[in-house]
Amino acid sequence: MGAPDPVVRDATTDDAAACAAIYAPYVTGTAITFELEPPSEEQMAERIAAAQRAHAWLVLEDDGVVVGYAYAGPYKERAAYRWSCEVSVYLDGGRRRRGGGRALYEALFATLADRGYRTAVAGMTLPNGPSTGLHTALGFEPIGTYRRIGFKHGQWRDVLWAQRALGPYDDDPTPPA
């Protein structure tokens, strides 16, 4: 009998240390995120709590260990954008291209749709074949590229933006819960 399958569940602030550890190599070793300093466990706990209040934050747990996470936050602050959210997914380095990102995002999208969100938007620093491939496979469509929008690791970086529908675009939408 093998180990149980990985489980996607709601994150709690108790997951902050694991999420911070997963995220730190992306901050320090890549241009995938434009942060320059990895957030502390306390800062990550605040981010998890904020996302859980209005959107969602999920973790992928394998044999009791958090190996990835996905979350959503506001797309923009203006009221007319309230049905849209920005999403991100991060996996432990050894977990990429094994279905974890898809599992996290599919669960995240279902949660967001249940809460009344209609559109998910994602930004990807280019080049990033694995991320653009995942987003394309999950129905994201490119909506534009910000050219040389960020400077990290000695280079100007482009960011591709893409979006996908989460729910119906009815004419009298109820604000997200």
C-alpha atoms as a PDB file:
ATOM      1  CA  MET A   1       0.000   0.000   0.000  1.00  0.00           C
ATOM      2  CA  GLY A   2       1.514   3.312  -1.105  1.00  0.00           C
ATOM      3  CA  ALA A   3       1.406   6.754   0.426  1.00  0.00           C
ATOM      4  CA  PRO A   4      -1.901   8.625   0.191  1.00  0.00           C
ATOM      5  CA  ASP A   5      -2.435  10.970  -2.740  1.00  0.00           C
ATOM      6  CA  PRO A   6      -1.591  14.635  -2.183  1.00  0.00           C
ATOM      7  CA  VAL A   7      -4.461  16.691  -0.751  1.00  0.00           C
ATOM      8  CA  VAL A   8      -5.488  20.271  -1.537  1.00  0.00           C
ATOM      9  CA  ARG A   9      -6.907  22.087   1.479  1.00  0.00           C
ATOM     10  CA  ASP A  10      -7.538  25.582   2.813  1.00  0.00           C
ATOM     11  CA  ALA A  11      -4.396  27.140   4.212  1.00  0.00           C
ATOM     12  CA  THR A  12      -4.144  28.425   7.753  1.00  0.00           C
ATOM     13  CA  THR A  13      -1.587  30.738   9.271  1.00  0.00           C
ATOM     14  CA  ASP A  14       0.064  27.567  10.634  1.00  0.00           C
ATOM     15  CA  ASP A  15       1.174  26.932   7.026  1.00  0.00           C
ATOM     16  CA  ALA A  16       3.108  30.203   6.864  1.00  0.00           C
ATOM     17  CA  ALA A  17       6.563  28.728   7.512  1.00  0.00           C
ATOM     18  CA  ALA A  18       6.120  26.077   4.817  1.00  0.00           C
ATOM     19  CA  CYS A  19       4.770  28.588   2.288  1.00  0.00           C
ATOM     20  CA  ALA A  20       7.602  31.026   3.052  1.00  0.00           C
ATOM     21  CA  ALA A  21      10.153  28.228   2.552  1.00  0.00           C
ATOM     22  CA  ILE A  22       8.614  27.267  -0.813  1.00  0.00           C
ATOM     23  CA  TYR A  23       8.529  30.893  -1.969  1.00  0.00           C
ATOM     24  CA  ALA A  24      12.007  32.024  -0.835  1.00  0.00           C
ATOM     25  CA  PRO A  25      13.971  30.332  -3.680  1.00  0.00           C
ATOM     26  CA  TYR A  26      11.683  31.993  -6.235  1.00  0.00           C
ATOM     27  CA  VAL A  27      12.493  35.380  -4.686  1.00  0.00           C
ATOM     28  CA  THR A  28      16.234  34.918  -4.341  1.00  0.00           C
ATOM     29  CA  GLY A  29      17.058  32.766  -7.354  1.00  0.00           C
ATOM     30  CA  THR A  30      14.622  33.713 -10.105  1.00  0.00           C
ATOM     31  CA  ALA A  31      12.852  36.633 -11.735  1.00  0.00           C
ATOM     32  CA  ILE A  32       9.521  34.772 -11.517  1.00  0.00           C
ATOM     33  CA  THR A  33       8.497  37.105  -8.707  1.00  0.00           C
ATOM     34  CA  PHE A  34       9.534  40.726  -8.499  1.00  0.00           C
ATOM     35  CA  GLU A  35      10.011  40.668  -4.733  1.00  0.00           C
ATOM     36  CA  LEU A  36      13.656  41.162  -3.774  1.00  0.00           C
ATOM     37  CA  GLU A  37      13.571  39.903  -0.167  1.00  0.00           C
ATOM     38  CA  PRO A  38      11.751  36.727   0.892  1.00  0.00           C
ATOM     39  CA  PRO A  39       8.886  37.434   3.277  1.00  0.00           C
ATOM     40  CA  SER A  40       9.243  36.259   6.853  1.00  0.00           C
ATOM     41  CA  GLU A  41       7.006  33.614   8.359  1.00  0.00           C
ATOM     42  CA  GLU A  42       5.046  36.392  10.063  1.00  0.00           C
ATOM     43  CA  GLN A  43       4.594  38.302   6.809  1.00  0.00           C
ATOM     44  CA  MET A  44       3.468  35.119   5.052  1.00  0.00           C
ATOM     45  CA  ALA A  45       0.957  34.460   7.850  1.00  0.00           C
ATOM     46  CA  GLU A  46      -0.468  37.966   7.293  1.00  0.00           C
ATOM     47  CA  ARG A  47      -0.749  37.292   3.543  1.00  0.00           C
ATOM     48  CA  ILE A  48      -2.535  33.990   4.140  1.00  0.00           C
ATOM     49  CA  ALA A  49      -4.988  35.602   6.577  1.00  0.00           C
ATOM     50  CA  ALA A  50      -5.709  38.488   4.186  1.00  0.00           C
ATOM     51  CA  ALA A  51      -6.310  36.157   1.236  1.00  0.00           C
ATOM     52  CA  GLN A  52      -8.602  33.933   3.302  1.00  0.00           C
ATOM     53  CA  ARG A  53     -10.721  36.924   4.372  1.00  0.00           C
ATOM     54  CA  ALA A  54     -11.703  37.991   0.856  1.00  0.00           C
ATOM     55  CA  HIS A  55     -10.483  35.452  -1.703  1.00  0.00           C
ATOM     56  CA  ALA A  56      -8.709  32.145  -0.999  1.00  0.00           C
ATOM     57  CA  TRP A  57      -5.364  30.521  -0.197  1.00  0.00           C
ATOM     58  CA  LEU A  58      -4.937  26.776  -0.667  1.00  0.00           C
ATOM     59  CA  VAL A  59      -2.045  24.423   0.015  1.00  0.00           C
ATOM     60  CA  LEU A  60      -1.043  21.106  -1.505  1.00  0.00           C
ATOM     61  CA  GLU A  61      -0.104  18.641   1.205  1.00  0.00           C
ATOM     62  CA  ASP A  62       1.739  15.398   0.462  1.00  0.00           C
ATOM     63  CA  ASP A  63       2.106  12.909   3.315  1.00  0.00           C
ATOM     64  CA  GLY A  64       1.575  15.707   5.842  1.00  0.00           C
ATOM     65  CA  VAL A  65       4.049  18.131   4.238  1.00  0.00           C
ATOM     66  CA  VAL A  66       3.011  21.326   2.430  1.00  0.00           C
ATOM     67  CA  VAL A  67       4.618  21.155  -1.019  1.00  0.00           C
ATOM     68  CA  GLY A  68       2.809  23.961  -2.846  1.00  0.00           C
ATOM     69  CA  TYR A  69       0.237  26.698  -2.598  1.00  0.00           C
ATOM     70  CA  ALA A  70      -2.060  28.841  -4.707  1.00  0.00           C
ATOM     71  CA  TYR A  71      -3.893  31.994  -3.760  1.00  0.00           C
ATOM     72  CA  ALA A  72      -5.997  34.836  -5.060  1.00  0.00           C
ATOM     73  CA  GLY A  73      -6.109  38.495  -4.201  1.00  0.00           C
ATOM     74  CA  PRO A  74      -7.695  41.635  -5.573  1.00  0.00           C
ATOM     75  CA  TYR A  75      -6.944  42.480  -9.186  1.00  0.00           C
ATOM     76  CA  LYS A  76      -7.372  46.233  -8.692  1.00  0.00           C
ATOM     77  CA  GLU A  77      -8.804  48.382  -5.925  1.00  0.00           C
ATOM     78  CA  ARG A  78     -11.555  50.117  -7.935  1.00  0.00           C
ATOM     79  CA  ALA A  79     -15.060  48.805  -7.157  1.00  0.00           C
ATOM     80  CA  ALA A  80     -15.915  47.780 -10.722  1.00  0.00           C
ATOM     81  CA  TYR A  81     -13.066  45.235 -10.615  1.00  0.00           C
ATOM     82  CA  ARG A  82     -14.468  43.403  -7.567  1.00  0.00           C
ATOM     83  CA  TRP A  83     -15.499  40.327  -9.617  1.00  0.00           C
ATOM     84  CA  SER A  84     -11.914  39.870 -10.827  1.00  0.00           C
ATOM     85  CA  CYS A  85      -8.913  38.562  -8.923  1.00  0.00           C
ATOM     86  CA  GLU A  86      -5.221  37.955  -9.477  1.00  0.00           C
ATOM     87  CA  VAL A  87      -4.002  34.394  -8.927  1.00  0.00           C
ATOM     88  CA  SER A  88      -0.616  32.757  -8.345  1.00  0.00           C
ATOM     89  CA  VAL A  89       0.694  29.258  -7.734  1.00  0.00           C
ATOM     90  CA  TYR A  90       4.036  28.125  -6.288  1.00  0.00           C
ATOM     91  CA  LEU A  91       5.412  24.609  -5.859  1.00  0.00           C
ATOM     92  CA  ASP A  92       8.396  23.215  -4.022  1.00  0.00           C
ATOM     93  CA  GLY A  93      11.263  22.893  -6.518  1.00  0.00           C
ATOM     94  CA  GLY A  94      11.046  19.111  -6.706  1.00  0.00           C
ATOM     95  CA  ARG A  95       7.276  19.142  -7.309  1.00  0.00           C
ATOM     96  CA  ARG A  96       7.075  20.998 -10.601  1.00  0.00           C
ATOM     97  CA  ARG A  97       5.490  19.382 -13.671  1.00  0.00           C
ATOM     98  CA  ARG A  98       3.831  16.621 -11.651  1.00  0.00           C
ATOM     99  CA  GLY A  99       0.236  17.885 -11.570  1.00  0.00           C
ATOM    100  CA  GLY A 100       0.395  19.854  -8.332  1.00  0.00           C
ATOM    101  CA  GLY A 101      -0.050  23.249  -9.981  1.00  0.00           C
ATOM    102  CA  ARG A 102      -3.077  22.020 -11.911  1.00  0.00           C
ATOM    103  CA  ALA A 103      -4.632  20.474  -8.781  1.00  0.00           C
ATOM    104  CA  LEU A 104      -4.119  23.656  -6.774  1.00  0.00           C
ATOM    105  CA  TYR A 105      -5.443  25.942  -9.494  1.00  0.00           C
ATOM    106  CA  GLU A 106      -8.496  23.804 -10.269  1.00  0.00           C
ATOM    107  CA  ALA A 107      -9.462  23.798  -6.578  1.00  0.00           C
ATOM    108  CA  LEU A 108      -8.743  27.528  -6.313  1.00  0.00           C
ATOM    109  CA  PHE A 109     -10.878  28.340  -9.361  1.00  0.00           C
ATOM    110  CA  ALA A 110     -13.793  26.290  -7.993  1.00  0.00           C
ATOM    111  CA  THR A 111     -13.559  28.115  -4.647  1.00  0.00           C
ATOM    112  CA  LEU A 112     -13.398  31.521  -6.303  1.00  0.00           C
ATOM    113  CA  ALA A 113     -16.343  30.723  -8.600  1.00  0.00           C
ATOM    114  CA  ASP A 114     -18.391  29.588  -5.587  1.00  0.00           C
ATOM    115  CA  ARG A 115     -17.637  32.937  -3.945  1.00  0.00           C
ATOM    116  CA  GLY A 116     -18.901  34.845  -6.986  1.00  0.00           C
ATOM    117  CA  TYR A 117     -15.694  35.809  -8.754  1.00  0.00           C
ATOM    118  CA  ARG A 118     -15.929  35.869 -12.548  1.00  0.00           C
ATOM    119  CA  THR A 119     -12.387  36.414 -13.859  1.00  0.00           C
ATOM    120  CA  ALA A 120      -8.922  35.252 -12.837  1.00  0.00           C
ATOM    121  CA  VAL A 121      -5.878  37.191 -14.037  1.00  0.00           C
ATOM    122  CA  ALA A 122      -2.278  35.979 -13.853  1.00  0.00           C
ATOM    123  CA  GLY A 123       1.029  37.666 -14.615  1.00  0.00           C
ATOM    124  CA  MET A 124       4.065  35.655 -15.718  1.00  0.00           C
ATOM    125  CA  THR A 125       7.596  36.984 -15.987  1.00  0.00           C
ATOM    126  CA  LEU A 126       9.034  36.005 -19.370  1.00  0.00           C
ATOM    127  CA  PRO A 127      10.516  33.693 -20.333  1.00  0.00           C
ATOM    128  CA  ASN A 128       8.796  31.056 -18.188  1.00  0.00           C
ATOM    129  CA  GLY A 129       7.730  28.086 -20.300  1.00  0.00           C
ATOM    130  CA  PRO A 130       6.408  25.946 -17.432  1.00  0.00           C
ATOM    131  CA  SER A 131       4.156  28.735 -16.132  1.00  0.00           C
ATOM    132  CA  THR A 132       2.868  29.844 -19.516  1.00  0.00           C
ATOM    133  CA  GLY A 133       2.235  26.180 -20.393  1.00  0.00           C
ATOM    134  CA  LEU A 134       0.274  25.559 -17.187  1.00  0.00           C
ATOM    135  CA  HIS A 135      -1.815  28.693 -17.580  1.00  0.00           C
ATOM    136  CA  THR A 136      -2.552  27.933 -21.239  1.00  0.00           C
ATOM    137  CA  ALA A 137      -3.540  24.347 -20.376  1.00  0.00           C
ATOM    138  CA  LEU A 138      -5.962  25.709 -17.764  1.00  0.00           C
ATOM    139  CA  GLY A 139      -7.729  28.011 -20.196  1.00  0.00           C
ATOM    140  CA  PHE A 140      -5.934  31.315 -19.677  1.00  0.00           C
ATOM    141  CA  GLU A 141      -5.750  33.522 -22.753  1.00  0.00           C
ATOM    142  CA  PRO A 142      -3.019  36.134 -23.218  1.00  0.00           C
ATOM    143  CA  ILE A 143      -4.275  39.697 -22.870  1.00  0.00           C
ATOM    144  CA  GLY A 144      -1.023  41.598 -23.223  1.00  0.00           C
ATOM    145  CA  THR A 145       2.612  41.926 -22.308  1.00  0.00           C
ATOM    146  CA  TYR A 146       4.113  44.681 -20.217  1.00  0.00           C
ATOM    147  CA  ARG A 147       7.541  45.282 -21.780  1.00  0.00           C
ATOM    148  CA  ARG A 148      10.554  45.888 -19.545  1.00  0.00           C
ATOM    149  CA  ILE A 149       8.236  46.538 -16.587  1.00  0.00           C
ATOM    150  CA  GLY A 150      10.536  45.214 -13.854  1.00  0.00           C
ATOM    151  CA  PHE A 151      14.278  45.101 -13.242  1.00  0.00           C
ATOM    152  CA  LYS A 152      15.650  42.058 -11.422  1.00  0.00           C
ATOM    153  CA  HIS A 153      18.933  40.128 -11.483  1.00  0.00           C
ATOM    154  CA  GLY A 154      20.539  42.712 -13.744  1.00  0.00           C
ATOM    155  CA  GLN A 155      17.918  42.640 -16.497  1.00  0.00           C
ATOM    156  CA  TRP A 156      14.745  44.369 -17.542  1.00  0.00           C
ATOM    157  CA  ARG A 157      11.894  41.849 -17.493  1.00  0.00           C
ATOM    158  CA  ASP A 158       8.663  41.501 -19.467  1.00  0.00           C
ATOM    159  CA  VAL A 159       5.440  40.251 -17.865  1.00  0.00           C
ATOM    160  CA  LEU A 160       2.779  38.411 -19.845  1.00  0.00           C
ATOM    161  CA  TRP A 161      -0.756  38.879 -18.523  1.00  0.00           C
ATOM    162  CA  ALA A 162      -3.455  36.315 -19.150  1.00  0.00           C
ATOM    163  CA  GLN A 163      -7.023  35.790 -17.958  1.00  0.00           C
ATOM    164  CA  ARG A 164      -9.697  33.109 -17.793  1.00  0.00           C
ATOM    165  CA  ALA A 165     -13.363  33.066 -16.874  1.00  0.00           C
ATOM    166  CA  LEU A 166     -14.386  31.634 -13.511  1.00  0.00           C
ATOM    167  CA  GLY A 167     -18.142  32.014 -13.796  1.00  0.00           C
ATOM    168  CA  PRO A 168     -20.928  33.427 -15.919  1.00  0.00           C
ATOM    169  CA  TYR A 169     -20.949  37.060 -16.960  1.00  0.00           C
ATOM    170  CA  ASP A 170     -24.581  37.783 -16.117  1.00  0.00           C
ATOM    171  CA  ASP A 171     -26.031  41.282 -16.373  1.00  0.00           C
ATOM    172  CA  ASP A 172     -26.875  41.666 -12.677  1.00  0.00           C
ATOM    173  CA  PRO A 173     -24.043  39.977 -10.770  1.00  0.00           C
ATOM    174  CA  THR A 174     -24.101  39.628  -7.017  1.00  0.00           C
ATOM    175  CA  PRO A 175     -20.906  40.942  -5.423  1.00  0.00           C
ATOM    176  CA  PRO A 176     -18.470  38.202  -4.373  1.00  0.00           C
ATOM    177  CA  ALA A 177     -18.997  36.782  -0.886  1.00  0.00           C
END
